PDB file of N, CA and C in Angstrom:
ATOM      1  N   MET A   1      32.748  -8.757 -17.796  1.00  0.00           N
ATOM      2  CA  MET A   1      32.597  -7.884 -16.661  1.00  0.00           C
ATOM      3  C   MET A   1      31.267  -7.148 -16.685  1.00  0.00           C
ATOM      4  N   ASP A   2      30.545  -7.300 -17.762  1.00  0.00           N
ATOM      5  CA  ASP A   2      29.278  -6.583 -17.869  1.00  0.00           C
ATOM      6  C   ASP A   2      28.266  -7.014 -16.816  1.00  0.00           C
ATOM      7  N   GLY A   3      28.408  -8.223 -16.281  1.00  0.00           N
ATOM      8  CA  GLY A   3      27.455  -8.724 -15.307  1.00  0.00           C
ATOM      9  C   GLY A   3      27.764  -8.358 -13.869  1.00  0.00           C
ATOM     10  N   ILE A   4      28.853  -7.636 -13.633  1.00  0.00           N
ATOM     11  CA  ILE A   4      29.240  -7.288 -12.262  1.00  0.00           C
ATOM     12  C   ILE A   4      28.364  -6.148 -11.758  1.00  0.00           C
ATOM     13  N   ARG A   5      27.718  -6.363 -10.621  1.00  0.00           N
ATOM     14  CA  ARG A   5      26.932  -5.306  -9.979  1.00  0.00           C
ATOM     15  C   ARG A   5      27.814  -4.602  -8.960  1.00  0.00           C
ATOM     16  N   CYS A   6      27.884  -3.298  -9.038  1.00  0.00           N
ATOM     17  CA  CYS A   6      28.771  -2.518  -8.168  1.00  0.00           C
ATOM     18  C   CYS A   6      28.006  -1.876  -7.024  1.00  0.00           C
ATOM     19  N   THR A   7      28.656  -1.828  -5.892  1.00  0.00           N
ATOM     20  CA  THR A   7      28.157  -1.094  -4.742  1.00  0.00           C
ATOM     21  C   THR A   7      29.284  -0.191  -4.271  1.00  0.00           C
ATOM     22  N   SER A   8      29.004   1.094  -4.149  1.00  0.00           N
ATOM     23  CA  SER A   8      30.012   2.054  -3.693  1.00  0.00           C
ATOM     24  C   SER A   8      29.818   2.344  -2.217  1.00  0.00           C
ATOM     25  N   LEU A   9      30.904   2.456  -1.512  1.00  0.00           N
ATOM     26  CA  LEU A   9      30.904   2.828  -0.100  1.00  0.00           C
ATOM     27  C   LEU A   9      31.687   4.129   0.002  1.00  0.00           C
ATOM     28  N   ARG A  10      31.006   5.190   0.426  1.00  0.00           N
ATOM     29  CA  ARG A  10      31.609   6.518   0.497  1.00  0.00           C
ATOM     30  C   ARG A  10      31.398   7.096   1.891  1.00  0.00           C
ATOM     31  N   PRO A  11      32.195   8.107   2.253  1.00  0.00           N
ATOM     32  CA  PRO A  11      31.956   8.754   3.540  1.00  0.00           C
ATOM     33  C   PRO A  11      30.559   9.363   3.577  1.00  0.00           C
ATOM     34  N   GLY A  12      29.906   9.251   4.710  1.00  0.00           N
ATOM     35  CA  GLY A  12      28.571   9.816   4.870  1.00  0.00           C
ATOM     36  C   GLY A  12      28.605  11.256   5.344  1.00  0.00           C
ATOM     37  N   ASP A  13      27.429  11.790   5.587  1.00  0.00           N
ATOM     38  CA  ASP A  13      27.304  13.174   6.045  1.00  0.00           C
ATOM     39  C   ASP A  13      27.768  13.351   7.492  1.00  0.00           C
ATOM     40  N   GLN A  14      27.654  12.308   8.290  1.00  0.00           N
ATOM     41  CA  GLN A  14      28.056  12.343   9.691  1.00  0.00           C
ATOM     42  C   GLN A  14      29.415  11.652   9.834  1.00  0.00           C
ATOM     43  N   PRO A  15      30.185  11.986  10.879  1.00  0.00           N
ATOM     44  CA  PRO A  15      31.527  11.416  11.045  1.00  0.00           C
ATOM     45  C   PRO A  15      31.582   9.883  11.023  1.00  0.00           C
ATOM     46  N   GLU A  16      30.621   9.220  11.615  1.00  0.00           N
ATOM     47  CA  GLU A  16      30.640   7.754  11.694  1.00  0.00           C
ATOM     48  C   GLU A  16      29.763   7.097  10.633  1.00  0.00           C
ATOM     49  N   ALA A  17      29.174   7.886   9.750  1.00  0.00           N
ATOM     50  CA  ALA A  17      28.206   7.357   8.784  1.00  0.00           C
ATOM     51  C   ALA A  17      28.871   7.001   7.455  1.00  0.00           C
ATOM     52  N   SER A  18      28.222   6.101   6.758  1.00  0.00           N
ATOM     53  CA  SER A  18      28.662   5.711   5.420  1.00  0.00           C
ATOM     54  C   SER A  18      27.509   5.891   4.447  1.00  0.00           C
ATOM     55  N   ASP A  19      27.842   6.195   3.220  1.00  0.00           N
ATOM     56  CA  ASP A  19      26.867   6.311   2.140  1.00  0.00           C
ATOM     57  C   ASP A  19      27.073   5.099   1.234  1.00  0.00           C
ATOM     58  N   VAL A  20      26.120   4.202   1.219  1.00  0.00           N
ATOM     59  CA  VAL A  20      26.208   2.985   0.407  1.00  0.00           C
ATOM     60  C   VAL A  20      25.277   3.151  -0.784  1.00  0.00           C
ATOM     61  N   ARG A  21      25.832   2.991  -1.987  1.00  0.00           N
ATOM     62  CA  ARG A  21      25.042   3.182  -3.207  1.00  0.00           C
ATOM     63  C   ARG A  21      25.162   1.981  -4.133  1.00  0.00           C
ATOM     64  N   GLY A  22      24.041   1.538  -4.641  1.00  0.00           N
ATOM     65  CA  GLY A  22      24.041   0.543  -5.705  1.00  0.00           C
ATOM     66  C   GLY A  22      24.257   1.280  -7.016  1.00  0.00           C
ATOM     67  N   GLU A  23      25.328   0.982  -7.714  1.00  0.00           N
ATOM     68  CA  GLU A  23      25.665   1.686  -8.952  1.00  0.00           C
ATOM     69  C   GLU A  23      24.972   1.031 -10.141  1.00  0.00           C
ATOM     70  N   THR A  24      24.580   1.837 -11.110  1.00  0.00           N
ATOM     71  CA  THR A  24      23.951   1.304 -12.321  1.00  0.00           C
ATOM     72  C   THR A  24      24.909   1.303 -13.508  1.00  0.00           C
ATOM     73  N   ALA A  25      25.990   2.046 -13.414  1.00  0.00           N
ATOM     74  CA  ALA A  25      26.970   2.105 -14.505  1.00  0.00           C
ATOM     75  C   ALA A  25      27.783   0.811 -14.547  1.00  0.00           C
ATOM     76  N   PRO A  26      28.390   0.497 -15.685  1.00  0.00           N
ATOM     77  CA  PRO A  26      29.253  -0.687 -15.774  1.00  0.00           C
ATOM     78  C   PRO A  26      30.426  -0.604 -14.794  1.00  0.00           C
ATOM     79  N   PHE A  27      30.895  -1.757 -14.362  1.00  0.00           N
ATOM     80  CA  PHE A  27      31.961  -1.877 -13.362  1.00  0.00           C
ATOM     81  C   PHE A  27      33.174  -1.002 -13.680  1.00  0.00           C
ATOM     82  N   LEU A  28      33.718  -1.122 -14.894  1.00  0.00           N
ATOM     83  CA  LEU A  28      34.928  -0.369 -15.224  1.00  0.00           C
ATOM     84  C   LEU A  28      34.692   1.137 -15.199  1.00  0.00           C
ATOM     85  N   ASP A  29      33.503   1.570 -15.566  1.00  0.00           N
ATOM     86  CA  ASP A  29      33.177   2.997 -15.499  1.00  0.00           C
ATOM     87  C   ASP A  29      33.114   3.474 -14.052  1.00  0.00           C
ATOM     88  N   VAL A  30      32.551   2.657 -13.175  1.00  0.00           N
ATOM     89  CA  VAL A  30      32.465   3.010 -11.752  1.00  0.00           C
ATOM     90  C   VAL A  30      33.864   3.126 -11.157  1.00  0.00           C
ATOM     91  N   VAL A  31      34.734   2.168 -11.453  1.00  0.00           N
ATOM     92  CA  VAL A  31      36.100   2.199 -10.920  1.00  0.00           C
ATOM     93  C   VAL A  31      36.857   3.405 -11.467  1.00  0.00           C
ATOM     94  N   ALA A  32      36.754   3.650 -12.772  1.00  0.00           N
ATOM     95  CA  ALA A  32      37.440   4.797 -13.376  1.00  0.00           C
ATOM     96  C   ALA A  32      37.006   6.102 -12.706  1.00  0.00           C
ATOM     97  N   GLN A  33      35.712   6.260 -12.516  1.00  0.00           N
ATOM     98  CA  GLN A  33      35.198   7.476 -11.883  1.00  0.00           C
ATOM     99  C   GLN A  33      35.709   7.597 -10.446  1.00  0.00           C
ATOM    100  N   ALA A  34      35.758   6.488  -9.735  1.00  0.00           N
ATOM    101  CA  ALA A  34      36.187   6.507  -8.332  1.00  0.00           C
ATOM    102  C   ALA A  34      37.646   6.925  -8.179  1.00  0.00           C
ATOM    103  N   ILE A  35      38.479   6.609  -9.168  1.00  0.00           N
ATOM    104  CA  ILE A  35      39.901   6.972  -9.071  1.00  0.00           C
ATOM    105  C   ILE A  35      40.254   8.179  -9.936  1.00  0.00           C
ATOM    106  N   GLY A  36      39.228   8.832 -10.491  1.00  0.00           N
ATOM    107  CA  GLY A  36      39.445  10.080 -11.200  1.00  0.00           C
ATOM    108  C   GLY A  36      39.951   9.962 -12.624  1.00  0.00           C
ATOM    109  N   LEU A  37      39.649   8.862 -13.295  1.00  0.00           N
ATOM    110  CA  LEU A  37      40.056   8.688 -14.688  1.00  0.00           C
ATOM    111  C   LEU A  37      38.843   8.726 -15.603  1.00  0.00           C
ATOM    112  N   LYS A  38      39.063   9.096 -16.866  1.00  0.00           N
ATOM    113  CA  LYS A  38      37.965   9.077 -17.835  1.00  0.00           C
ATOM    114  C   LYS A  38      37.581   7.645 -18.185  1.00  0.00           C
ATOM    115  N   ALA A  39      38.570   6.768 -18.255  1.00  0.00           N
ATOM    116  CA  ALA A  39      38.318   5.367 -18.610  1.00  0.00           C
ATOM    117  C   ALA A  39      39.482   4.513 -18.136  1.00  0.00           C
ATOM    118  N   LEU A  40      39.245   3.217 -18.009  1.00  0.00           N
ATOM    119  CA  LEU A  40      40.298   2.255 -17.691  1.00  0.00           C
ATOM    120  C   LEU A  40      40.608   1.454 -18.942  1.00  0.00           C
ATOM    121  N   ARG A  41      41.861   1.111 -19.113  1.00  0.00           N
ATOM    122  CA  ARG A  41      42.251   0.246 -20.217  1.00  0.00           C
ATOM    123  C   ARG A  41      42.442  -1.152 -19.649  1.00  0.00           C
ATOM    124  N   THR A  42      41.826  -2.119 -20.259  1.00  0.00           N
ATOM    125  CA  THR A  42      41.969  -3.496 -19.799  1.00  0.00           C
ATOM    126  C   THR A  42      42.693  -4.312 -20.855  1.00  0.00           C
ATOM    127  N   VAL A  43      43.340  -5.367 -20.411  1.00  0.00           N
ATOM    128  CA  VAL A  43      44.036  -6.291 -21.297  1.00  0.00           C
ATOM    129  C   VAL A  43      43.426  -7.661 -21.082  1.00  0.00           C
ATOM    130  N   ALA A  44      42.873  -8.237 -22.131  1.00  0.00           N
ATOM    131  CA  ALA A  44      42.315  -9.588 -22.027  1.00  0.00           C
ATOM    132  C   ALA A  44      43.457 -10.571 -21.835  1.00  0.00           C
ATOM    133  N   THR A  45      43.322 -11.445 -20.859  1.00  0.00           N
ATOM    134  CA  THR A  45      44.369 -12.432 -20.590  1.00  0.00           C
ATOM    135  C   THR A  45      43.993 -13.771 -21.189  1.00  0.00           C
ATOM    136  N   GLY A  46      44.970 -14.639 -21.255  1.00  0.00           N
ATOM    137  CA  GLY A  46      44.709 -15.984 -21.746  1.00  0.00           C
ATOM    138  C   GLY A  46      44.988 -16.103 -23.215  1.00  0.00           C
ATOM    139  N   GLY A  47      44.022 -16.389 -24.000  1.00  0.00           N
ATOM    140  CA  GLY A  47      44.153 -16.630 -25.429  1.00  0.00           C
ATOM    141  C   GLY A  47      42.909 -17.368 -25.836  1.00  0.00           C
ATOM    142  N   ASP A  48      43.066 -18.648 -26.154  1.00  0.00           N
ATOM    143  CA  ASP A  48      41.876 -19.460 -26.396  1.00  0.00           C
ATOM    144  C   ASP A  48      41.286 -19.873 -25.042  1.00  0.00           C
ATOM    145  N   GLU A  49      40.183 -20.581 -25.084  1.00  0.00           N
ATOM    146  CA  GLU A  49      39.487 -20.934 -23.836  1.00  0.00           C
ATOM    147  C   GLU A  49      40.385 -21.728 -22.891  1.00  0.00           C
ATOM    148  N   TRP A  50      41.157 -22.669 -23.417  1.00  0.00           N
ATOM    149  CA  TRP A  50      42.028 -23.494 -22.583  1.00  0.00           C
ATOM    150  C   TRP A  50      43.108 -22.643 -21.931  1.00  0.00           C
ATOM    151  N   GLU A  51      43.771 -21.786 -22.716  1.00  0.00           N
ATOM    152  CA  GLU A  51      44.821 -20.936 -22.153  1.00  0.00           C
ATOM    153  C   GLU A  51      44.263 -19.985 -21.102  1.00  0.00           C
ATOM    154  N   ALA A  52      43.096 -19.422 -21.381  1.00  0.00           N
ATOM    155  CA  ALA A  52      42.492 -18.494 -20.425  1.00  0.00           C
ATOM    156  C   ALA A  52      42.230 -19.183 -19.091  1.00  0.00           C
ATOM    157  N   GLU A  53      41.692 -20.406 -19.133  1.00  0.00           N
ATOM    158  CA  GLU A  53      41.444 -21.142 -17.889  1.00  0.00           C
ATOM    159  C   GLU A  53      42.747 -21.460 -17.176  1.00  0.00           C
ATOM    160  N   ARG A  54      43.748 -21.915 -17.914  1.00  0.00           N
ATOM    161  CA  ARG A  54      45.025 -22.280 -17.318  1.00  0.00           C
ATOM    162  C   ARG A  54      45.679 -21.067 -16.664  1.00  0.00           C
ATOM    163  N   GLU A  55      45.691 -19.940 -17.357  1.00  0.00           N
ATOM    164  CA  GLU A  55      46.335 -18.765 -16.791  1.00  0.00           C
ATOM    165  C   GLU A  55      45.551 -18.217 -15.604  1.00  0.00           C
ATOM    166  N   GLN A  56      44.243 -18.393 -15.598  1.00  0.00           N
ATOM    167  CA  GLN A  56      43.468 -17.998 -14.424  1.00  0.00           C
ATOM    168  C   GLN A  56      43.838 -18.889 -13.245  1.00  0.00           C
ATOM    169  N   TRP A  57      43.997 -20.196 -13.505  1.00  0.00           N
ATOM    170  CA  TRP A  57      44.397 -21.108 -12.430  1.00  0.00           C
ATOM    171  C   TRP A  57      45.751 -20.696 -11.866  1.00  0.00           C
ATOM    172  N   ASP A  58      46.635 -20.234 -12.738  1.00  0.00           N
ATOM    173  CA  ASP A  58      47.985 -19.840 -12.329  1.00  0.00           C
ATOM    174  C   ASP A  58      48.089 -18.358 -11.989  1.00  0.00           C
ATOM    175  N   ASP A  59      46.968 -17.707 -11.836  1.00  0.00           N
ATOM    176  CA  ASP A  59      46.928 -16.283 -11.489  1.00  0.00           C
ATOM    177  C   ASP A  59      47.456 -15.381 -12.593  1.00  0.00           C
ATOM    178  N   GLY A  60      47.234 -15.757 -13.850  1.00  0.00           N
ATOM    179  CA  GLY A  60      47.679 -14.941 -14.979  1.00  0.00           C
ATOM    180  C   GLY A  60      46.989 -13.600 -15.039  1.00  0.00           C
ATOM    181  N   SER A  61      45.838 -13.495 -14.404  1.00  0.00           N
ATOM    182  CA  SER A  61      45.121 -12.224 -14.435  1.00  0.00           C
ATOM    183  C   SER A  61      45.624 -11.262 -13.367  1.00  0.00           C
ATOM    184  N   ASN A  62      46.491 -11.711 -12.506  1.00  0.00           N
ATOM    185  CA  ASN A  62      47.009 -10.861 -11.438  1.00  0.00           C
ATOM    186  C   ASN A  62      48.248 -10.119 -11.920  1.00  0.00           C
ATOM    187  N   VAL A  63      48.008  -9.025 -12.628  1.00  0.00           N
ATOM    188  CA  VAL A  63      49.073  -8.181 -13.150  1.00  0.00           C
ATOM    189  C   VAL A  63      48.820  -6.782 -12.609  1.00  0.00           C
ATOM    190  N   ILE A  64      49.868  -6.130 -12.149  1.00  0.00           N
ATOM    191  CA  ILE A  64      49.704  -4.763 -11.639  1.00  0.00           C
ATOM    192  C   ILE A  64      50.636  -3.835 -12.406  1.00  0.00           C
ATOM    193  N   ALA A  65      50.106  -2.704 -12.827  1.00  0.00           N
ATOM    194  CA  ALA A  65      50.902  -1.699 -13.525  1.00  0.00           C
ATOM    195  C   ALA A  65      51.549  -0.775 -12.497  1.00  0.00           C
ATOM    196  N   LEU A  66      52.854  -0.631 -12.589  1.00  0.00           N
ATOM    197  CA  LEU A  66      53.587   0.265 -11.698  1.00  0.00           C
ATOM    198  C   LEU A  66      53.737   1.650 -12.317  1.00  0.00           C
ATOM    199  N   ALA A  67      53.810   1.677 -13.645  1.00  0.00           N
ATOM    200  CA  ALA A  67      53.942   2.914 -14.421  1.00  0.00           C
ATOM    201  C   ALA A  67      53.608   2.555 -15.858  1.00  0.00           C
ATOM    202  N   PRO A  68      53.416   3.536 -16.725  1.00  0.00           N
ATOM    203  CA  PRO A  68      53.145   3.197 -18.129  1.00  0.00           C
ATOM    204  C   PRO A  68      54.245   2.305 -18.707  1.00  0.00           C
ATOM    205  N   GLY A  69      53.845   1.151 -19.183  1.00  0.00           N
ATOM    206  CA  GLY A  69      54.792   0.209 -19.775  1.00  0.00           C
ATOM    207  C   GLY A  69      55.563  -0.641 -18.785  1.00  0.00           C
ATOM    208  N   ILE A  70      55.298  -0.503 -17.492  1.00  0.00           N
ATOM    209  CA  ILE A  70      56.002  -1.287 -16.469  1.00  0.00           C
ATOM    210  C   ILE A  70      54.969  -2.028 -15.635  1.00  0.00           C
ATOM    211  N   VAL A  71      54.993  -3.364 -15.734  1.00  0.00           N
ATOM    212  CA  VAL A  71      54.049  -4.182 -14.980  1.00  0.00           C
ATOM    213  C   VAL A  71      54.779  -5.289 -14.250  1.00  0.00           C
ATOM    214  N   VAL A  72      54.141  -5.824 -13.233  1.00  0.00           N
ATOM    215  CA  VAL A  72      54.636  -6.983 -12.507  1.00  0.00           C
ATOM    216  C   VAL A  72      53.641  -8.107 -12.763  1.00  0.00           C
ATOM    217  N   ALA A  73      54.167  -9.274 -13.185  1.00  0.00           N
ATOM    218  CA  ALA A  73      53.312 -10.421 -13.493  1.00  0.00           C
ATOM    219  C   ALA A  73      54.061 -11.703 -13.166  1.00  0.00           C
ATOM    220  N   TYR A  74      53.319 -12.797 -13.091  1.00  0.00           N
ATOM    221  CA  TYR A  74      53.938 -14.103 -12.888  1.00  0.00           C
ATOM    222  C   TYR A  74      54.630 -14.526 -14.179  1.00  0.00           C
ATOM    223  N   ASN A  75      55.853 -15.044 -14.100  1.00  0.00           N
ATOM    224  CA  ASN A  75      56.594 -15.407 -15.308  1.00  0.00           C
ATOM    225  C   ASN A  75      56.079 -16.675 -15.971  1.00  0.00           C
ATOM    226  N   ARG A  76      55.265 -17.464 -15.314  1.00  0.00           N
ATOM    227  CA  ARG A  76      54.804 -18.721 -15.900  1.00  0.00           C
ATOM    228  C   ARG A  76      53.605 -18.547 -16.834  1.00  0.00           C
ATOM    229  N   ASN A  77      53.045 -17.349 -16.922  1.00  0.00           N
ATOM    230  CA  ASN A  77      51.891 -17.100 -17.787  1.00  0.00           C
ATOM    231  C   ASN A  77      52.363 -16.515 -19.109  1.00  0.00           C
ATOM    232  N   VAL A  78      52.905 -17.390 -19.936  1.00  0.00           N
ATOM    233  CA  VAL A  78      53.597 -16.994 -21.153  1.00  0.00           C
ATOM    234  C   VAL A  78      52.718 -16.176 -22.092  1.00  0.00           C
ATOM    235  N   TYR A  79      51.500 -16.631 -22.367  1.00  0.00           N
ATOM    236  CA  TYR A  79      50.661 -15.918 -23.328  1.00  0.00           C
ATOM    237  C   TYR A  79      50.333 -14.506 -22.847  1.00  0.00           C
ATOM    238  N   THR A  80      49.866 -14.380 -21.637  1.00  0.00           N
ATOM    239  CA  THR A  80      49.483 -13.071 -21.113  1.00  0.00           C
ATOM    240  C   THR A  80      50.674 -12.124 -21.077  1.00  0.00           C
ATOM    241  N   ASN A  81      51.839 -12.607 -20.739  1.00  0.00           N
ATOM    242  CA  ASN A  81      53.014 -11.748 -20.629  1.00  0.00           C
ATOM    243  C   ASN A  81      53.508 -11.239 -21.974  1.00  0.00           C
ATOM    244  N   THR A  82      53.034 -11.807 -23.079  1.00  0.00           N
ATOM    245  CA  THR A  82      53.443 -11.307 -24.393  1.00  0.00           C
ATOM    246  C   THR A  82      52.538 -10.194 -24.887  1.00  0.00           C
ATOM    247  N   LEU A  83      51.428  -9.925 -24.194  1.00  0.00           N
ATOM    248  CA  LEU A  83      50.489  -8.892 -24.654  1.00  0.00           C
ATOM    249  C   LEU A  83      51.012  -7.499 -24.412  1.00  0.00           C
TER     250      LEU A  83
END
């Protein structure tokens, strides 16, 4: 994720205006700041290179946290779901 270039879109000074900024901070830091957190915790998905590709094909990276310790994920991504 280090190679992701971020652009922020924020309300501008005028009612119909937008403030567009090219961010220099790393992606996860920009997202954390935008939602009011000190940092984001990430979980690497996959395993070895083959598993990582397979789980990406099957949307193994599409996991959403509903609450601490409670997530929704696809049941076919066995490796990622054990993390």
